[in-house]
């Protein structure tokens, strides 16, 4: 699994960071950073929740 963010859509709302702060981070510059683009299966449920709850639907999962 690989996390893909459409930065043209992303508004850095930090919803994903609230769900999985070890994977997503919104920094002081108000940009979203993906700390781990290829998380393990143990994080799948959190990543899927972040994808589903993103207000702009800017996050997606690509299966490698």
PDB file of N, CA and C in Angstrom:
ATOM      1  N   UNK A   1       0.847  -1.178   0.000  1.00  0.00           N
ATOM      2  CA  UNK A   1       0.000   0.000   0.000  1.00  0.00           C
ATOM      3  C   UNK A   1       0.889   1.237   0.000  1.00  0.00           C
ATOM      4  N   UNK A   2       0.496   2.189  -0.826  1.00  0.00           N
ATOM      5  CA  UNK A   2       1.226   3.456  -0.908  1.00  0.00           C
ATOM      6  C   UNK A   2       0.217   4.592  -0.793  1.00  0.00           C
ATOM      7  N   UNK A   3       0.552   5.592   0.007  1.00  0.00           N
ATOM      8  CA  UNK A   3      -0.322   6.753   0.193  1.00  0.00           C
ATOM      9  C   UNK A   3       0.004   7.789  -0.862  1.00  0.00           C
ATOM     10  N   UNK A   4      -1.043   8.302  -1.505  1.00  0.00           N
ATOM     11  CA  UNK A   4      -0.892   9.352  -2.507  1.00  0.00           C
ATOM     12  C   UNK A   4      -1.760  10.534  -2.080  1.00  0.00           C
ATOM     13  N   UNK A   5      -1.187  11.722  -2.113  1.00  0.00           N
ATOM     14  CA  UNK A   5      -1.921  12.934  -1.760  1.00  0.00           C
ATOM     15  C   UNK A   5      -1.977  13.845  -2.972  1.00  0.00           C
ATOM     16  N   UNK A   6      -3.173  14.307  -3.301  1.00  0.00           N
ATOM     17  CA  UNK A   6      -3.341  15.314  -4.347  1.00  0.00           C
ATOM     18  C   UNK A   6      -3.208  16.671  -3.667  1.00  0.00           C
ATOM     19  N   UNK A   7      -2.033  17.244  -3.759  1.00  0.00           N
ATOM     20  CA  UNK A   7      -1.756  18.495  -3.053  1.00  0.00           C
ATOM     21  C   UNK A   7      -2.515  19.679  -3.649  1.00  0.00           C
ATOM     22  N   UNK A   8      -3.046  19.539  -4.853  1.00  0.00           N
ATOM     23  CA  UNK A   8      -3.894  20.591  -5.421  1.00  0.00           C
ATOM     24  C   UNK A   8      -5.241  20.646  -4.699  1.00  0.00           C
ATOM     25  N   UNK A   9      -5.684  19.503  -4.174  1.00  0.00           N
ATOM     26  CA  UNK A   9      -6.946  19.442  -3.429  1.00  0.00           C
ATOM     27  C   UNK A   9      -6.758  19.667  -1.929  1.00  0.00           C
ATOM     28  N   UNK A  10      -5.621  19.240  -1.404  1.00  0.00           N
ATOM     29  CA  UNK A  10      -5.379  19.259   0.039  1.00  0.00           C
ATOM     30  C   UNK A  10      -5.409  20.677   0.592  1.00  0.00           C
ATOM     31  N   UNK A  11      -6.170  20.854   1.675  1.00  0.00           N
ATOM     32  CA  UNK A  11      -6.239  22.142   2.365  1.00  0.00           C
ATOM     33  C   UNK A  11      -5.542  22.092   3.717  1.00  0.00           C
ATOM     34  N   UNK A  12      -4.818  21.021   3.990  1.00  0.00           N
ATOM     35  CA  UNK A  12      -4.088  20.853   5.249  1.00  0.00           C
ATOM     36  C   UNK A  12      -4.997  21.052   6.456  1.00  0.00           C
ATOM     37  N   UNK A  13      -6.154  20.403   6.418  1.00  0.00           N
ATOM     38  CA  UNK A  13      -7.105  20.487   7.526  1.00  0.00           C
ATOM     39  C   UNK A  13      -6.646  19.726   8.759  1.00  0.00           C
ATOM     40  N   UNK A  14      -5.707  18.831   8.586  1.00  0.00           N
ATOM     41  CA  UNK A  14      -5.104  18.034   9.660  1.00  0.00           C
ATOM     42  C   UNK A  14      -6.041  16.973  10.223  1.00  0.00           C
ATOM     43  N   UNK A  15      -7.112  16.661   9.524  1.00  0.00           N
ATOM     44  CA  UNK A  15      -7.981  15.570   9.952  1.00  0.00           C
ATOM     45  C   UNK A  15      -7.190  14.269   9.931  1.00  0.00           C
ATOM     46  N   UNK A  16      -6.422  14.060   8.870  1.00  0.00           N
ATOM     47  CA  UNK A  16      -5.611  12.844   8.757  1.00  0.00           C
ATOM     48  C   UNK A  16      -4.571  12.769   9.869  1.00  0.00           C
ATOM     49  N   UNK A  17      -4.018  13.906  10.237  1.00  0.00           N
ATOM     50  CA  UNK A  17      -3.016  13.933  11.295  1.00  0.00           C
ATOM     51  C   UNK A  17      -3.638  13.560  12.641  1.00  0.00           C
ATOM     52  N   UNK A  18      -4.864  13.951  12.860  1.00  0.00           N
ATOM     53  CA  UNK A  18      -5.552  13.583  14.098  1.00  0.00           C
ATOM     54  C   UNK A  18      -5.776  12.076  14.159  1.00  0.00           C
ATOM     55  N   UNK A  19      -6.006  11.458  13.013  1.00  0.00           N
ATOM     56  CA  UNK A  19      -6.260  10.022  12.948  1.00  0.00           C
ATOM     57  C   UNK A  19      -4.969   9.223  13.049  1.00  0.00           C
ATOM     58  N   UNK A  20      -3.949   9.646  12.320  1.00  0.00           N
ATOM     59  CA  UNK A  20      -2.689   8.888  12.257  1.00  0.00           C
ATOM     60  C   UNK A  20      -1.492   9.843  12.292  1.00  0.00           C
ATOM     61  N   UNK A  21      -1.188  10.388  13.464  1.00  0.00           N
ATOM     62  CA  UNK A  21      -0.101  11.381  13.557  1.00  0.00           C
ATOM     63  C   UNK A  21       1.290  10.818  13.272  1.00  0.00           C
ATOM     64  N   UNK A  22       1.437   9.502  13.308  1.00  0.00           N
ATOM     65  CA  UNK A  22       2.734   8.913  12.978  1.00  0.00           C
ATOM     66  C   UNK A  22       2.905   8.739  11.465  1.00  0.00           C
ATOM     67  N   UNK A  23       1.853   9.050  10.704  1.00  0.00           N
ATOM     68  CA  UNK A  23       1.912   8.937   9.243  1.00  0.00           C
ATOM     69  C   UNK A  23       1.759  10.303   8.571  1.00  0.00           C
ATOM     70  N   UNK A  24       0.863  11.138   9.100  1.00  0.00           N
ATOM     71  CA  UNK A  24       0.585  12.447   8.515  1.00  0.00           C
ATOM     72  C   UNK A  24       0.969  13.549   9.481  1.00  0.00           C
ATOM     73  N   UNK A  25       1.489  14.642   8.934  1.00  0.00           N
ATOM     74  CA  UNK A  25       1.852  15.775   9.782  1.00  0.00           C
ATOM     75  C   UNK A  25       1.610  17.080   9.029  1.00  0.00           C
ATOM     76  N   UNK A  26       0.906  17.999   9.660  1.00  0.00           N
ATOM     77  CA  UNK A  26       0.769  19.358   9.141  1.00  0.00           C
ATOM     78  C   UNK A  26       1.708  20.217   9.983  1.00  0.00           C
ATOM     79  N   UNK A  27       2.661  20.813   9.323  1.00  0.00           N
ATOM     80  CA  UNK A  27       3.690  21.576  10.030  1.00  0.00           C
ATOM     81  C   UNK A  27       3.330  23.050  10.113  1.00  0.00           C
ATOM     82  N   UNK A  28       4.194  23.804  10.749  1.00  0.00           N
ATOM     83  CA  UNK A  28       3.958  25.233  10.950  1.00  0.00           C
ATOM     84  C   UNK A  28       3.813  26.000   9.640  1.00  0.00           C
ATOM     85  N   UNK A  29       4.316  25.435   8.548  1.00  0.00           N
ATOM     86  CA  UNK A  29       4.175  26.087   7.239  1.00  0.00           C
ATOM     87  C   UNK A  29       2.814  25.811   6.596  1.00  0.00           C
ATOM     88  N   UNK A  30       1.929  25.101   7.341  1.00  0.00           N
ATOM     89  CA  UNK A  30       0.570  24.766   6.892  1.00  0.00           C
ATOM     90  C   UNK A  30       0.530  23.849   5.680  1.00  0.00           C
ATOM     91  N   UNK A  31       1.556  23.019   5.513  1.00  0.00           N
ATOM     92  CA  UNK A  31       1.561  22.023   4.455  1.00  0.00           C
ATOM     93  C   UNK A  31       1.511  20.634   5.083  1.00  0.00           C
ATOM     94  N   UNK A  32       0.829  19.736   4.395  1.00  0.00           N
ATOM     95  CA  UNK A  32       0.756  18.345   4.831  1.00  0.00           C
ATOM     96  C   UNK A  32       1.996  17.604   4.374  1.00  0.00           C
ATOM     97  N   UNK A  33       2.553  16.813   5.277  1.00  0.00           N
ATOM     98  CA  UNK A  33       3.679  15.945   4.967  1.00  0.00           C
ATOM     99  C   UNK A  33       3.282  14.519   5.293  1.00  0.00           C
ATOM    100  N   UNK A  34       3.609  13.613   4.398  1.00  0.00           N
ATOM    101  CA  UNK A  34       3.383  12.195   4.648  1.00  0.00           C
ATOM    102  C   UNK A  34       4.692  11.645   5.192  1.00  0.00           C
ATOM    103  N   UNK A  35       4.674  11.239   6.443  1.00  0.00           N
ATOM    104  CA  UNK A  35       5.889  10.782   7.108  1.00  0.00           C
ATOM    105  C   UNK A  35       6.277   9.369   6.691  1.00  0.00           C
ATOM    106  N   UNK A  36       5.288   8.597   6.257  1.00  0.00           N
ATOM    107  CA  UNK A  36       5.542   7.227   5.815  1.00  0.00           C
ATOM    108  C   UNK A  36       4.595   6.931   4.655  1.00  0.00           C
ATOM    109  N   UNK A  37       5.105   7.012   3.435  1.00  0.00           N
ATOM    110  CA  UNK A  37       4.265   6.811   2.248  1.00  0.00           C
ATOM    111  C   UNK A  37       3.890   5.359   2.018  1.00  0.00           C
ATOM    112  N   UNK A  38       4.605   4.441   2.646  1.00  0.00           N
ATOM    113  CA  UNK A  38       4.333   3.017   2.469  1.00  0.00           C
ATOM    114  C   UNK A  38       4.188   2.334   3.824  1.00  0.00           C
ATOM    115  N   UNK A  39       3.135   2.668   4.554  1.00  0.00           N
ATOM    116  CA  UNK A  39       2.951   2.049   5.877  1.00  0.00           C
ATOM    117  C   UNK A  39       2.625   0.566   5.752  1.00  0.00           C
ATOM    118  N   UNK A  40       2.846  -0.155   6.836  1.00  0.00           N
ATOM    119  CA  UNK A  40       2.561  -1.580   6.864  1.00  0.00           C
ATOM    120  C   UNK A  40       1.076  -1.863   7.019  1.00  0.00           C
ATOM    121  N   UNK A  41       0.743  -3.112   6.874  1.00  0.00           N
ATOM    122  CA  UNK A  41      -0.655  -3.543   6.979  1.00  0.00           C
ATOM    123  C   UNK A  41      -1.263  -3.217   8.345  1.00  0.00           C
ATOM    124  N   UNK A  42      -0.434  -3.149   9.373  1.00  0.00           N
ATOM    125  CA  UNK A  42      -0.946  -2.837  10.702  1.00  0.00           C
ATOM    126  C   UNK A  42      -1.545  -1.430  10.785  1.00  0.00           C
ATOM    127  N   UNK A  43      -1.198  -0.570   9.816  1.00  0.00           N
ATOM    128  CA  UNK A  43      -1.732   0.794   9.784  1.00  0.00           C
ATOM    129  C   UNK A  43      -2.849   0.973   8.764  1.00  0.00           C
ATOM    130  N   UNK A  44      -3.228  -0.091   8.072  1.00  0.00           N
ATOM    131  CA  UNK A  44      -4.227   0.028   7.002  1.00  0.00           C
ATOM    132  C   UNK A  44      -5.535   0.643   7.491  1.00  0.00           C
ATOM    133  N   UNK A  45      -6.045   0.206   8.617  1.00  0.00           N
ATOM    134  CA  UNK A  45      -7.336   0.720   9.103  1.00  0.00           C
ATOM    135  C   UNK A  45      -7.259   2.226   9.358  1.00  0.00           C
ATOM    136  N   UNK A  46      -6.156   2.689   9.933  1.00  0.00           N
ATOM    137  CA  UNK A  46      -6.005   4.123  10.181  1.00  0.00           C
ATOM    138  C   UNK A  46      -5.891   4.911   8.880  1.00  0.00           C
ATOM    139  N   UNK A  47      -5.119   4.389   7.940  1.00  0.00           N
ATOM    140  CA  UNK A  47      -4.959   5.083   6.656  1.00  0.00           C
ATOM    141  C   UNK A  47      -6.300   5.129   5.918  1.00  0.00           C
ATOM    142  N   UNK A  48      -7.035   4.029   5.927  1.00  0.00           N
ATOM    143  CA  UNK A  48      -8.345   4.020   5.270  1.00  0.00           C
ATOM    144  C   UNK A  48      -9.297   5.011   5.932  1.00  0.00           C
ATOM    145  N   UNK A  49      -9.234   5.127   7.244  1.00  0.00           N
ATOM    146  CA  UNK A  49     -10.074   6.113   7.930  1.00  0.00           C
ATOM    147  C   UNK A  49      -9.675   7.529   7.526  1.00  0.00           C
ATOM    148  N   UNK A  50      -8.375   7.790   7.429  1.00  0.00           N
ATOM    149  CA  UNK A  50      -7.898   9.105   6.992  1.00  0.00           C
ATOM    150  C   UNK A  50      -8.372   9.414   5.575  1.00  0.00           C
ATOM    151  N   UNK A  51      -8.308   8.417   4.690  1.00  0.00           N
ATOM    152  CA  UNK A  51      -8.794   8.589   3.309  1.00  0.00           C
ATOM    153  C   UNK A  51     -10.285   8.931   3.322  1.00  0.00           C
ATOM    154  N   UNK A  52     -11.060   8.180   4.078  1.00  0.00           N
ATOM    155  CA  UNK A  52     -12.516   8.360   4.103  1.00  0.00           C
ATOM    156  C   UNK A  52     -12.951   9.656   4.764  1.00  0.00           C
ATOM    157  N   UNK A  53     -12.181  10.142   5.729  1.00  0.00           N
ATOM    158  CA  UNK A  53     -12.580  11.338   6.465  1.00  0.00           C
ATOM    159  C   UNK A  53     -11.965  12.627   5.937  1.00  0.00           C
ATOM    160  N   UNK A  54     -11.090  12.530   4.949  1.00  0.00           N
ATOM    161  CA  UNK A  54     -10.482  13.738   4.376  1.00  0.00           C
ATOM    162  C   UNK A  54     -11.582  14.616   3.776  1.00  0.00           C
ATOM    163  N   UNK A  55     -11.717  15.863   4.257  1.00  0.00           N
ATOM    164  CA  UNK A  55     -12.806  16.729   3.777  1.00  0.00           C
ATOM    165  C   UNK A  55     -12.746  17.010   2.274  1.00  0.00           C
ATOM    166  N   UNK A  56     -11.559  17.015   1.693  1.00  0.00           N
ATOM    167  CA  UNK A  56     -11.403  17.308   0.267  1.00  0.00           C
ATOM    168  C   UNK A  56     -11.144  16.066  -0.573  1.00  0.00           C
ATOM    169  N   UNK A  57     -11.145  14.873   0.068  1.00  0.00           N
ATOM    170  CA  UNK A  57     -10.855  13.617  -0.630  1.00  0.00           C
ATOM    171  C   UNK A  57      -9.542  13.698  -1.401  1.00  0.00           C
ATOM    172  N   UNK A  58      -8.529  14.275  -0.743  1.00  0.00           N
ATOM    173  CA  UNK A  58      -7.236  14.476  -1.364  1.00  0.00           C
ATOM    174  C   UNK A  58      -6.272  13.308  -1.158  1.00  0.00           C
ATOM    175  N   UNK A  59      -6.642  12.360  -0.284  1.00  0.00           N
ATOM    176  CA  UNK A  59      -5.762  11.240   0.033  1.00  0.00           C
ATOM    177  C   UNK A  59      -6.315   9.973  -0.594  1.00  0.00           C
ATOM    178  N   UNK A  60      -5.424   9.175  -1.160  1.00  0.00           N
ATOM    179  CA  UNK A  60      -5.853   7.888  -1.710  1.00  0.00           C
ATOM    180  C   UNK A  60      -4.796   6.838  -1.416  1.00  0.00           C
ATOM    181  N   UNK A  61      -5.208   5.598  -1.564  1.00  0.00           N
ATOM    182  CA  UNK A  61      -4.308   4.453  -1.380  1.00  0.00           C
ATOM    183  C   UNK A  61      -4.122   3.791  -2.742  1.00  0.00           C
ATOM    184  N   UNK A  62      -2.865   3.518  -3.070  1.00  0.00           N
ATOM    185  CA  UNK A  62      -2.533   2.780  -4.284  1.00  0.00           C
ATOM    186  C   UNK A  62      -1.931   1.466  -3.837  1.00  0.00           C
ATOM    187  N   UNK A  63      -2.464   0.385  -4.353  1.00  0.00           N
ATOM    188  CA  UNK A  63      -1.913  -0.933  -4.018  1.00  0.00           C
ATOM    189  C   UNK A  63      -0.726  -1.221  -4.929  1.00  0.00           C
ATOM    190  N   UNK A  64       0.406  -1.524  -4.320  1.00  0.00           N
ATOM    191  CA  UNK A  64       1.623  -1.808  -5.099  1.00  0.00           C
ATOM    192  C   UNK A  64       1.646  -3.232  -5.594  1.00  0.00           C
TER     193      UNK A  64
END
